[in-house]
PDB file of N, CA and C in Angstrom:
ATOM      1  N   UNK A   1      -0.573  20.019  11.680  1.00  0.00           N
ATOM      2  CA  UNK A   1      -2.051  20.974  10.654  1.00  0.00           C
ATOM      3  C   UNK A   1      -2.102  19.368  10.043  1.00  0.00           C
ATOM      4  N   UNK A   2      -3.103  19.377   9.131  1.00  0.00           N
ATOM      5  CA  UNK A   2      -3.278  17.653   8.720  1.00  0.00           C
ATOM      6  C   UNK A   2      -2.741  18.233   7.358  1.00  0.00           C
ATOM      7  N   UNK A   3      -2.090  17.502   6.795  1.00  0.00           N
ATOM      8  CA  UNK A   3      -1.281  16.978   5.296  1.00  0.00           C
ATOM      9  C   UNK A   3      -2.649  16.167   4.930  1.00  0.00           C
ATOM     10  N   UNK A   4      -3.039  16.752   3.663  1.00  0.00           N
ATOM     11  CA  UNK A   4      -4.027  16.147   2.235  1.00  0.00           C
ATOM     12  C   UNK A   4      -3.355  15.705   1.288  1.00  0.00           C
ATOM     13  N   UNK A   5      -3.871  13.867   0.878  1.00  0.00           N
ATOM     14  CA  UNK A   5      -3.399  13.489   0.254  1.00  0.00           C
ATOM     15  C   UNK A   5      -4.529  13.902  -0.841  1.00  0.00           C
ATOM     16  N   UNK A   6      -3.925  13.972  -2.094  1.00  0.00           N
ATOM     17  CA  UNK A   6      -4.543  13.384  -3.288  1.00  0.00           C
ATOM     18  C   UNK A   6      -4.076  12.004  -4.041  1.00  0.00           C
ATOM     19  N   UNK A   7      -4.835  11.728  -5.259  1.00  0.00           N
ATOM     20  CA  UNK A   7      -4.630  10.118  -5.620  1.00  0.00           C
ATOM     21  C   UNK A   7      -3.351  10.114  -6.168  1.00  0.00           C
ATOM     22  N   UNK A   8      -2.564  11.327  -6.238  1.00  0.00           N
ATOM     23  CA  UNK A   8      -1.394  10.709  -7.331  1.00  0.00           C
ATOM     24  C   UNK A   8      -0.027  10.650  -5.692  1.00  0.00           C
ATOM     25  N   UNK A   9      -0.036  11.305  -4.664  1.00  0.00           N
ATOM     26  CA  UNK A   9       0.081  11.292  -3.874  1.00  0.00           C
ATOM     27  C   UNK A   9       0.029   9.917  -2.888  1.00  0.00           C
ATOM     28  N   UNK A  10      -1.079   9.423  -2.990  1.00  0.00           N
ATOM     29  CA  UNK A  10      -1.483   8.055  -2.039  1.00  0.00           C
ATOM     30  C   UNK A  10      -0.623   6.713  -3.290  1.00  0.00           C
ATOM     31  N   UNK A  11      -1.018   7.111  -5.390  1.00  0.00           N
ATOM     32  CA  UNK A  11      -0.632   5.988  -5.213  1.00  0.00           C
ATOM     33  C   UNK A  11       1.266   6.305  -4.930  1.00  0.00           C
ATOM     34  N   UNK A  12       2.001   6.820  -4.952  1.00  0.00           N
ATOM     35  CA  UNK A  12       3.514   6.857  -4.526  1.00  0.00           C
ATOM     36  C   UNK A  12       3.637   6.717  -2.919  1.00  0.00           C
ATOM     37  N   UNK A  13       2.760   6.475  -2.204  1.00  0.00           N
ATOM     38  CA  UNK A  13       2.530   5.962  -0.911  1.00  0.00           C
ATOM     39  C   UNK A  13       2.745   4.924  -1.054  1.00  0.00           C
ATOM     40  N   UNK A  14       1.734   4.172  -2.408  1.00  0.00           N
ATOM     41  CA  UNK A  14       1.889   2.363  -2.484  1.00  0.00           C
ATOM     42  C   UNK A  14       3.288   2.148  -2.502  1.00  0.00           C
ATOM     43  N   UNK A  15       3.080   2.670  -3.325  1.00  0.00           N
ATOM     44  CA  UNK A  15       4.214   2.151  -4.363  1.00  0.00           C
ATOM     45  C   UNK A  15       5.565   2.100  -3.279  1.00  0.00           C
ATOM     46  N   UNK A  16       5.328   3.564  -2.807  1.00  0.00           N
ATOM     47  CA  UNK A  16       6.783   2.984  -1.631  1.00  0.00           C
ATOM     48  C   UNK A  16       7.254   2.379  -0.219  1.00  0.00           C
ATOM     49  N   UNK A  17       5.399   1.350  -0.453  1.00  0.00           N
ATOM     50  CA  UNK A  17       5.361   0.457   0.843  1.00  0.00           C
ATOM     51  C   UNK A  17       5.164  -0.463   0.054  1.00  0.00           C
ATOM     52  N   UNK A  18       5.052  -0.983  -1.161  1.00  0.00           N
ATOM     53  CA  UNK A  18       5.892  -2.164  -1.671  1.00  0.00           C
ATOM     54  C   UNK A  18       7.099  -2.151  -2.130  1.00  0.00           C
ATOM     55  N   UNK A  19       7.680  -1.116  -2.151  1.00  0.00           N
ATOM     56  CA  UNK A  19       8.573  -0.689  -2.627  1.00  0.00           C
ATOM     57  C   UNK A  19       9.721  -2.278  -0.884  1.00  0.00           C
ATOM     58  N   UNK A  20       8.896  -1.171   0.190  1.00  0.00           N
ATOM     59  CA  UNK A  20       9.419  -1.315   1.252  1.00  0.00           C
ATOM     60  C   UNK A  20       8.947  -3.169   2.162  1.00  0.00           C
ATOM     61  N   UNK A  21       8.016  -3.381   1.339  1.00  0.00           N
ATOM     62  CA  UNK A  21       8.359  -5.049   1.204  1.00  0.00           C
ATOM     63  C   UNK A  21       9.362  -5.088   0.075  1.00  0.00           C
ATOM     64  N   UNK A  22       9.063  -5.228  -0.782  1.00  0.00           N
ATOM     65  CA  UNK A  22       9.818  -5.812  -1.478  1.00  0.00           C
ATOM     66  C   UNK A  22      11.632  -6.033  -1.287  1.00  0.00           C
ATOM     67  N   UNK A  23      11.584  -5.332   0.052  1.00  0.00           N
ATOM     68  CA  UNK A  23      12.929  -4.408   0.570  1.00  0.00           C
ATOM     69  C   UNK A  23      13.678  -5.418   1.923  1.00  0.00           C
ATOM     70  N   UNK A  24      12.540  -6.875   1.968  1.00  0.00           N
ATOM     71  CA  UNK A  24      12.738  -7.451   2.874  1.00  0.00           C
ATOM     72  C   UNK A  24      12.004  -8.977   2.803  1.00  0.00           C
ATOM     73  N   UNK A  25      12.811 -10.127   2.261  1.00  0.00           N
ATOM     74  CA  UNK A  25      12.117 -10.759   2.065  1.00  0.00           C
ATOM     75  C   UNK A  25      10.841 -11.943   2.082  1.00  0.00           C
ATOM     76  N   UNK A  26      11.267 -11.551   4.121  1.00  0.00           N
ATOM     77  CA  UNK A  26       9.921 -11.432   4.954  1.00  0.00           C
ATOM     78  C   UNK A  26       8.950 -11.693   4.794  1.00  0.00           C
ATOM     79  N   UNK A  27       8.557 -10.195   4.538  1.00  0.00           N
ATOM     80  CA  UNK A  27       7.798  -9.572   4.606  1.00  0.00           C
ATOM     81  C   UNK A  27       7.394  -9.577   3.466  1.00  0.00           C
ATOM     82  N   UNK A  28       7.884  -9.734   1.924  1.00  0.00           N
ATOM     83  CA  UNK A  28       6.866  -9.393   0.635  1.00  0.00           C
ATOM     84  C   UNK A  28       6.705 -10.764   0.533  1.00  0.00           C
ATOM     85  N   UNK A  29       6.858 -11.959   1.177  1.00  0.00           N
ATOM     86  CA  UNK A  29       6.143 -13.224   1.002  1.00  0.00           C
ATOM     87  C   UNK A  29       4.843 -13.724   1.747  1.00  0.00           C
ATOM     88  N   UNK A  30       5.481 -12.527   3.626  1.00  0.00           N
ATOM     89  CA  UNK A  30       4.165 -12.668   3.598  1.00  0.00           C
ATOM     90  C   UNK A  30       2.615 -11.829   3.323  1.00  0.00           C
ATOM     91  N   UNK A  31       2.581 -10.704   2.446  1.00  0.00           N
ATOM     92  CA  UNK A  31       2.382  -9.909   1.736  1.00  0.00           C
ATOM     93  C   UNK A  31       1.753 -11.240   0.186  1.00  0.00           C
ATOM     94  N   UNK A  32       2.537 -11.271   0.217  1.00  0.00           N
ATOM     95  CA  UNK A  32       2.491 -12.639  -1.673  1.00  0.00           C
ATOM     96  C   UNK A  32       1.134 -14.090  -0.712  1.00  0.00           C
ATOM     97  N   UNK A  33       1.892 -13.797   0.838  1.00  0.00           N
ATOM     98  CA  UNK A  33       0.594 -14.831   0.684  1.00  0.00           C
ATOM     99  C   UNK A  33       0.234 -15.492   1.174  1.00  0.00           C
ATOM    100  N   UNK A  34      -0.464 -13.946   2.253  1.00  0.00           N
ATOM    101  CA  UNK A  34      -1.814 -13.326   2.280  1.00  0.00           C
ATOM    102  C   UNK A  34      -2.712 -12.413   0.847  1.00  0.00           C
ATOM    103  N   UNK A  35      -2.051 -12.247  -0.222  1.00  0.00           N
ATOM    104  CA  UNK A  35      -2.747 -11.746  -1.339  1.00  0.00           C
ATOM    105  C   UNK A  35      -3.473 -12.819  -2.500  1.00  0.00           C
ATOM    106  N   UNK A  36      -2.940 -14.289  -2.290  1.00  0.00           N
ATOM    107  CA  UNK A  36      -2.509 -15.320  -2.800  1.00  0.00           C
ATOM    108  C   UNK A  36      -1.525 -15.408  -4.317  1.00  0.00           C
ATOM    109  N   UNK A  37      -0.911 -13.784  -4.311  1.00  0.00           N
ATOM    110  CA  UNK A  37       0.233 -13.571  -5.222  1.00  0.00           C
ATOM    111  C   UNK A  37       1.325 -14.027  -5.399  1.00  0.00           C
ATOM    112  N   UNK A  38       1.644 -14.484  -6.213  1.00  0.00           N
ATOM    113  CA  UNK A  38       3.427 -14.855  -6.009  1.00  0.00           C
ATOM    114  C   UNK A  38       4.002 -14.522  -6.963  1.00  0.00           C
ATOM    115  N   UNK A  39       5.334 -14.378  -6.496  1.00  0.00           N
ATOM    116  CA  UNK A  39       6.357 -12.840  -7.477  1.00  0.00           C
ATOM    117  C   UNK A  39       6.295 -13.357  -9.237  1.00  0.00           C
ATOM    118  N   UNK A  40       5.811 -14.259  -9.383  1.00  0.00           N
ATOM    119  CA  UNK A  40       5.276 -13.929 -10.951  1.00  0.00           C
ATOM    120  C   UNK A  40       4.229 -13.611 -11.051  1.00  0.00           C
ATOM    121  N   UNK A  41       3.285 -13.396 -10.070  1.00  0.00           N
ATOM    122  CA  UNK A  41       1.772 -12.682 -11.062  1.00  0.00           C
ATOM    123  C   UNK A  41       1.946 -11.174 -10.179  1.00  0.00           C
ATOM    124  N   UNK A  42       2.868 -11.121  -9.608  1.00  0.00           N
ATOM    125  CA  UNK A  42       2.915  -9.207  -9.055  1.00  0.00           C
ATOM    126  C   UNK A  42       3.151  -8.478  -9.381  1.00  0.00           C
ATOM    127  N   UNK A  43       3.741  -8.258 -10.906  1.00  0.00           N
ATOM    128  CA  UNK A  43       3.791  -7.898 -11.940  1.00  0.00           C
ATOM    129  C   UNK A  43       1.879  -7.196 -12.357  1.00  0.00           C
ATOM    130  N   UNK A  44       1.608  -8.420 -12.681  1.00  0.00           N
ATOM    131  CA  UNK A  44       0.051  -8.476 -13.173  1.00  0.00           C
ATOM    132  C   UNK A  44      -0.505  -7.989 -12.746  1.00  0.00           C
ATOM    133  N   UNK A  45      -0.618  -7.793 -11.271  1.00  0.00           N
ATOM    134  CA  UNK A  45      -2.246  -7.587  -9.843  1.00  0.00           C
ATOM    135  C   UNK A  45      -1.076  -5.914 -10.106  1.00  0.00           C
ATOM    136  N   UNK A  46       0.105  -5.489 -10.412  1.00  0.00           N
ATOM    137  CA  UNK A  46       0.305  -4.440 -10.261  1.00  0.00           C
ATOM    138  C   UNK A  46      -0.463  -3.442 -11.273  1.00  0.00           C
ATOM    139  N   UNK A  47      -1.114  -3.765 -12.458  1.00  0.00           N
ATOM    140  CA  UNK A  47      -2.030  -3.127 -13.280  1.00  0.00           C
ATOM    141  C   UNK A  47      -3.296  -2.747 -12.882  1.00  0.00           C
ATOM    142  N   UNK A  48      -3.691  -3.745 -11.923  1.00  0.00           N
ATOM    143  CA  UNK A  48      -4.908  -3.156 -11.595  1.00  0.00           C
ATOM    144  C   UNK A  48      -4.916  -1.817 -10.303  1.00  0.00           C
ATOM    145  N   UNK A  49      -6.050  -1.537 -10.243  1.00  0.00           N
ATOM    146  CA  UNK A  49      -6.243   0.323  -9.854  1.00  0.00           C
ATOM    147  C   UNK A  49      -6.357  -0.147  -8.572  1.00  0.00           C
ATOM    148  N   UNK A  50      -7.105  -1.684  -7.318  1.00  0.00           N
ATOM    149  CA  UNK A  50      -6.930  -2.017  -6.661  1.00  0.00           C
ATOM    150  C   UNK A  50      -5.718  -3.101  -5.612  1.00  0.00           C
ATOM    151  N   UNK A  51      -5.149  -2.984  -6.555  1.00  0.00           N
ATOM    152  CA  UNK A  51      -3.586  -3.442  -5.668  1.00  0.00           C
ATOM    153  C   UNK A  51      -2.825  -2.163  -5.289  1.00  0.00           C
ATOM    154  N   UNK A  52      -3.260  -1.093  -5.729  1.00  0.00           N
ATOM    155  CA  UNK A  52      -1.944   0.291  -4.997  1.00  0.00           C
ATOM    156  C   UNK A  52      -3.444  -0.137  -3.218  1.00  0.00           C
ATOM    157  N   UNK A  53      -4.713  -0.051  -3.244  1.00  0.00           N
ATOM    158  CA  UNK A  53      -4.734  -0.238  -2.090  1.00  0.00           C
ATOM    159  C   UNK A  53      -4.873  -1.015  -1.168  1.00  0.00           C
ATOM    160  N   UNK A  54      -4.981  -2.050  -1.839  1.00  0.00           N
ATOM    161  CA  UNK A  54      -5.064  -3.426  -1.933  1.00  0.00           C
ATOM    162  C   UNK A  54      -3.637  -3.557  -1.014  1.00  0.00           C
ATOM    163  N   UNK A  55      -2.054  -2.980  -1.325  1.00  0.00           N
ATOM    164  CA  UNK A  55      -1.599  -2.488  -0.517  1.00  0.00           C
ATOM    165  C   UNK A  55      -0.905  -1.700   0.970  1.00  0.00           C
ATOM    166  N   UNK A  56      -1.781  -0.482   0.793  1.00  0.00           N
ATOM    167  CA  UNK A  56      -1.703  -0.210   1.927  1.00  0.00           C
ATOM    168  C   UNK A  56      -2.833  -0.287   2.660  1.00  0.00           C
ATOM    169  N   UNK A  57      -4.243  -1.375   1.956  1.00  0.00           N
ATOM    170  CA  UNK A  57      -4.436  -2.184   2.679  1.00  0.00           C
ATOM    171  C   UNK A  57      -3.620  -3.380   4.646  1.00  0.00           C
ATOM    172  N   UNK A  58      -2.627  -3.881   3.774  1.00  0.00           N
ATOM    173  CA  UNK A  58      -1.638  -4.803   4.107  1.00  0.00           C
ATOM    174  C   UNK A  58      -1.144  -3.835   5.526  1.00  0.00           C
ATOM    175  N   UNK A  59      -0.914  -2.807   4.932  1.00  0.00           N
ATOM    176  CA  UNK A  59      -0.099  -2.328   5.808  1.00  0.00           C
ATOM    177  C   UNK A  59      -0.937  -1.624   7.497  1.00  0.00           C
ATOM    178  N   UNK A  60      -2.445  -1.624   6.665  1.00  0.00           N
ATOM    179  CA  UNK A  60      -3.051  -0.837   7.989  1.00  0.00           C
ATOM    180  C   UNK A  60      -3.843  -2.204   8.758  1.00  0.00           C
ATOM    181  N   UNK A  61      -3.697  -3.953   8.324  1.00  0.00           N
ATOM    182  CA  UNK A  61      -3.748  -4.976   9.693  1.00  0.00           C
ATOM    183  C   UNK A  61      -2.925  -5.006   9.761  1.00  0.00           C
ATOM    184  N   UNK A  62      -1.355  -4.705  10.008  1.00  0.00           N
ATOM    185  CA  UNK A  62       0.259  -4.954  10.784  1.00  0.00           C
ATOM    186  C   UNK A  62       0.457  -3.666  11.620  1.00  0.00           C
ATOM    187  N   UNK A  63      -0.493  -3.824  12.694  1.00  0.00           N
ATOM    188  CA  UNK A  63       0.387  -2.025  12.923  1.00  0.00           C
ATOM    189  C   UNK A  63       2.034  -2.386  13.398  1.00  0.00           C
ATOM    190  N   UNK A  64       2.516  -3.371  13.175  1.00  0.00           N
ATOM    191  CA  UNK A  64       3.376  -3.484  13.582  1.00  0.00           C
ATOM    192  C   UNK A  64       4.455  -3.303  13.079  1.00  0.00           C
ATOM    193  N   UNK A  65       3.695  -3.667  11.187  1.00  0.00           N
ATOM    194  CA  UNK A  65       4.528  -3.609   9.757  1.00  0.00           C
ATOM    195  C   UNK A  65       4.342  -1.608   9.820  1.00  0.00           C
ATOM    196  N   UNK A  66       2.665  -1.473   9.700  1.00  0.00           N
ATOM    197  CA  UNK A  66       2.892   0.507   9.696  1.00  0.00           C
ATOM    198  C   UNK A  66       4.114   0.485  10.767  1.00  0.00           C
ATOM    199  N   UNK A  67       4.911   0.459  11.954  1.00  0.00           N
ATOM    200  CA  UNK A  67       4.950   1.694  12.401  1.00  0.00           C
ATOM    201  C   UNK A  67       6.249   0.946  11.549  1.00  0.00           C
ATOM    202  N   UNK A  68       6.797   0.324  11.559  1.00  0.00           N
ATOM    203  CA  UNK A  68       7.985  -0.012  10.776  1.00  0.00           C
ATOM    204  C   UNK A  68       7.971   1.309   9.664  1.00  0.00           C
ATOM    205  N   UNK A  69       7.690   0.865   8.847  1.00  0.00           N
ATOM    206  CA  UNK A  69       7.298   1.789   7.225  1.00  0.00           C
ATOM    207  C   UNK A  69       7.467   2.650   8.411  1.00  0.00           C
ATOM    208  N   UNK A  70       6.869   3.848   9.130  1.00  0.00           N
ATOM    209  CA  UNK A  70       7.002   4.677   9.439  1.00  0.00           C
ATOM    210  C   UNK A  70       8.464   5.408   9.872  1.00  0.00           C
ATOM    211  N   UNK A  71       8.463   4.210  10.745  1.00  0.00           N
ATOM    212  CA  UNK A  71      10.323   4.941  11.175  1.00  0.00           C
ATOM    213  C   UNK A  71      10.856   4.598  10.101  1.00  0.00           C
ATOM    214  N   UNK A  72      11.073   3.977   9.397  1.00  0.00           N
ATOM    215  CA  UNK A  72      12.032   3.873   7.983  1.00  0.00           C
ATOM    216  C   UNK A  72      11.955   5.308   7.512  1.00  0.00           C
ATOM    217  N   UNK A  73      10.170   5.047   7.076  1.00  0.00           N
ATOM    218  CA  UNK A  73      10.772   6.206   6.243  1.00  0.00           C
ATOM    219  C   UNK A  73      10.356   7.921   6.182  1.00  0.00           C
ATOM    220  N   UNK A  74       9.836   7.460   7.326  1.00  0.00           N
ATOM    221  CA  UNK A  74       9.796   8.646   8.226  1.00  0.00           C
ATOM    222  C   UNK A  74       8.311   9.350   8.196  1.00  0.00           C
ATOM    223  N   UNK A  75       7.739   8.604   7.374  1.00  0.00           N
ATOM    224  CA  UNK A  75       6.088   9.731   7.056  1.00  0.00           C
ATOM    225  C   UNK A  75       4.657   9.535   8.101  1.00  0.00           C
ATOM    226  N   UNK A  76       4.385   9.906   8.510  1.00  0.00           N
ATOM    227  CA  UNK A  76       3.419   9.640   9.149  1.00  0.00           C
ATOM    228  C   UNK A  76       2.201   8.544   9.536  1.00  0.00           C
ATOM    229  N   UNK A  77       2.121   7.628   9.773  1.00  0.00           N
ATOM    230  CA  UNK A  77       0.791   6.698  10.090  1.00  0.00           C
ATOM    231  C   UNK A  77      -0.263   7.127   9.197  1.00  0.00           C
ATOM    232  N   UNK A  78      -0.697   8.152  10.460  1.00  0.00           N
ATOM    233  CA  UNK A  78      -1.862   8.504   9.757  1.00  0.00           C
ATOM    234  C   UNK A  78      -2.450   8.048   7.855  1.00  0.00           C
ATOM    235  N   UNK A  79      -0.861   8.957   6.961  1.00  0.00           N
ATOM    236  CA  UNK A  79      -0.794   8.674   5.984  1.00  0.00           C
ATOM    237  C   UNK A  79      -1.138   8.007   5.311  1.00  0.00           C
ATOM    238  N   UNK A  80      -0.312   6.822   5.896  1.00  0.00           N
ATOM    239  CA  UNK A  80      -0.949   5.727   4.971  1.00  0.00           C
ATOM    240  C   UNK A  80      -2.553   4.947   4.892  1.00  0.00           C
ATOM    241  N   UNK A  81      -3.853   5.696   6.116  1.00  0.00           N
ATOM    242  CA  UNK A  81      -4.806   5.943   6.180  1.00  0.00           C
ATOM    243  C   UNK A  81      -5.270   6.716   5.528  1.00  0.00           C
ATOM    244  N   UNK A  82      -5.133   7.446   5.656  1.00  0.00           N
ATOM    245  CA  UNK A  82      -5.248   8.504   4.095  1.00  0.00           C
ATOM    246  C   UNK A  82      -5.311   8.477   2.934  1.00  0.00           C
ATOM    247  N   UNK A  83      -4.106   8.186   2.511  1.00  0.00           N
ATOM    248  CA  UNK A  83      -3.811   7.784   0.898  1.00  0.00           C
ATOM    249  C   UNK A  83      -5.083   6.011   0.639  1.00  0.00           C
ATOM    250  N   UNK A  84      -4.889   5.018   1.992  1.00  0.00           N
ATOM    251  CA  UNK A  84      -5.452   3.800   1.470  1.00  0.00           C
ATOM    252  C   UNK A  84      -7.588   4.350   0.770  1.00  0.00           C
ATOM    253  N   UNK A  85      -7.889   4.885   1.909  1.00  0.00           N
ATOM    254  CA  UNK A  85      -9.063   5.982   1.818  1.00  0.00           C
ATOM    255  C   UNK A  85      -9.198   6.682   0.097  1.00  0.00           C
ATOM    256  N   UNK A  86      -8.086   8.123  -0.502  1.00  0.00           N
ATOM    257  CA  UNK A  86      -8.031   8.151  -0.963  1.00  0.00           C
ATOM    258  C   UNK A  86      -8.051   7.329  -2.321  1.00  0.00           C
ATOM    259  N   UNK A  87      -6.856   6.470  -2.197  1.00  0.00           N
ATOM    260  CA  UNK A  87      -7.548   5.451  -3.297  1.00  0.00           C
ATOM    261  C   UNK A  87      -8.570   4.141  -3.398  1.00  0.00           C
ATOM    262  N   UNK A  88      -9.604   3.747  -2.522  1.00  0.00           N
ATOM    263  CA  UNK A  88     -10.216   2.975  -2.305  1.00  0.00           C
ATOM    264  C   UNK A  88     -11.730   4.266  -2.617  1.00  0.00           C
ATOM    265  N   UNK A  89     -11.353   4.954  -2.684  1.00  0.00           N
ATOM    266  CA  UNK A  89     -12.573   6.367  -3.739  1.00  0.00           C
ATOM    267  C   UNK A  89     -12.638   6.532  -4.810  1.00  0.00           C
ATOM    268  N   UNK A  90     -11.194   6.205  -4.867  1.00  0.00           N
ATOM    269  CA  UNK A  90     -10.861   6.261  -6.525  1.00  0.00           C
ATOM    270  C   UNK A  90     -11.791   4.561  -7.104  1.00  0.00           C
ATOM    271  N   UNK A  91     -11.271   3.965  -6.857  1.00  0.00           N
ATOM    272  CA  UNK A  91     -11.661   2.383  -7.221  1.00  0.00           C
ATOM    273  C   UNK A  91     -13.010   2.109  -6.897  1.00  0.00           C
ATOM    274  N   UNK A  92     -13.871   3.295  -6.117  1.00  0.00           N
ATOM    275  CA  UNK A  92     -14.993   3.255  -5.839  1.00  0.00           C
ATOM    276  C   UNK A  92     -15.587   3.585  -7.510  1.00  0.00           C
ATOM    277  N   UNK A  93     -15.069   4.632  -7.864  1.00  0.00           N
ATOM    278  CA  UNK A  93     -15.533   5.573  -8.646  1.00  0.00           C
ATOM    279  C   UNK A  93     -15.611   5.036 -10.447  1.00  0.00           C
ATOM    280  N   UNK A  94     -14.500   4.590 -10.134  1.00  0.00           N
ATOM    281  CA  UNK A  94     -14.138   3.519 -11.308  1.00  0.00           C
ATOM    282  C   UNK A  94     -14.819   2.358 -11.693  1.00  0.00           C
ATOM    283  N   UNK A  95     -15.955   2.326 -10.913  1.00  0.00           N
ATOM    284  CA  UNK A  95     -16.091   0.988 -10.841  1.00  0.00           C
ATOM    285  C   UNK A  95     -17.426   1.015 -11.685  1.00  0.00           C
ATOM    286  N   UNK A  96     -17.513  -0.417 -13.104  1.00  0.00           N
ATOM    287  CA  UNK A  96     -19.221   0.088 -14.200  1.00  0.00           C
ATOM    288  C   UNK A  96     -20.282   0.254 -13.295  1.00  0.00           C
TER     289      UNK A  96
END
């Protein structure tokens, strides 16, 4: 049975994914490098509504990372894509 993911659950999943990245310096460095962020600016970036979606986009673009996250957390890999769609739709709704 498909699991529905609301905005709150999508945000929680994204934060969990970010914590997963932060737990491994190599993974975090790759994310920071690809996103153009650095440790000093990540807190500021996290306040941007699109940041949580960007975290999930990062996971969706790297299958091995996605599968490692899923194995580590017990989450279905498809839930990451569902959460990304929820956050992306929310971001579009908030655009001026």
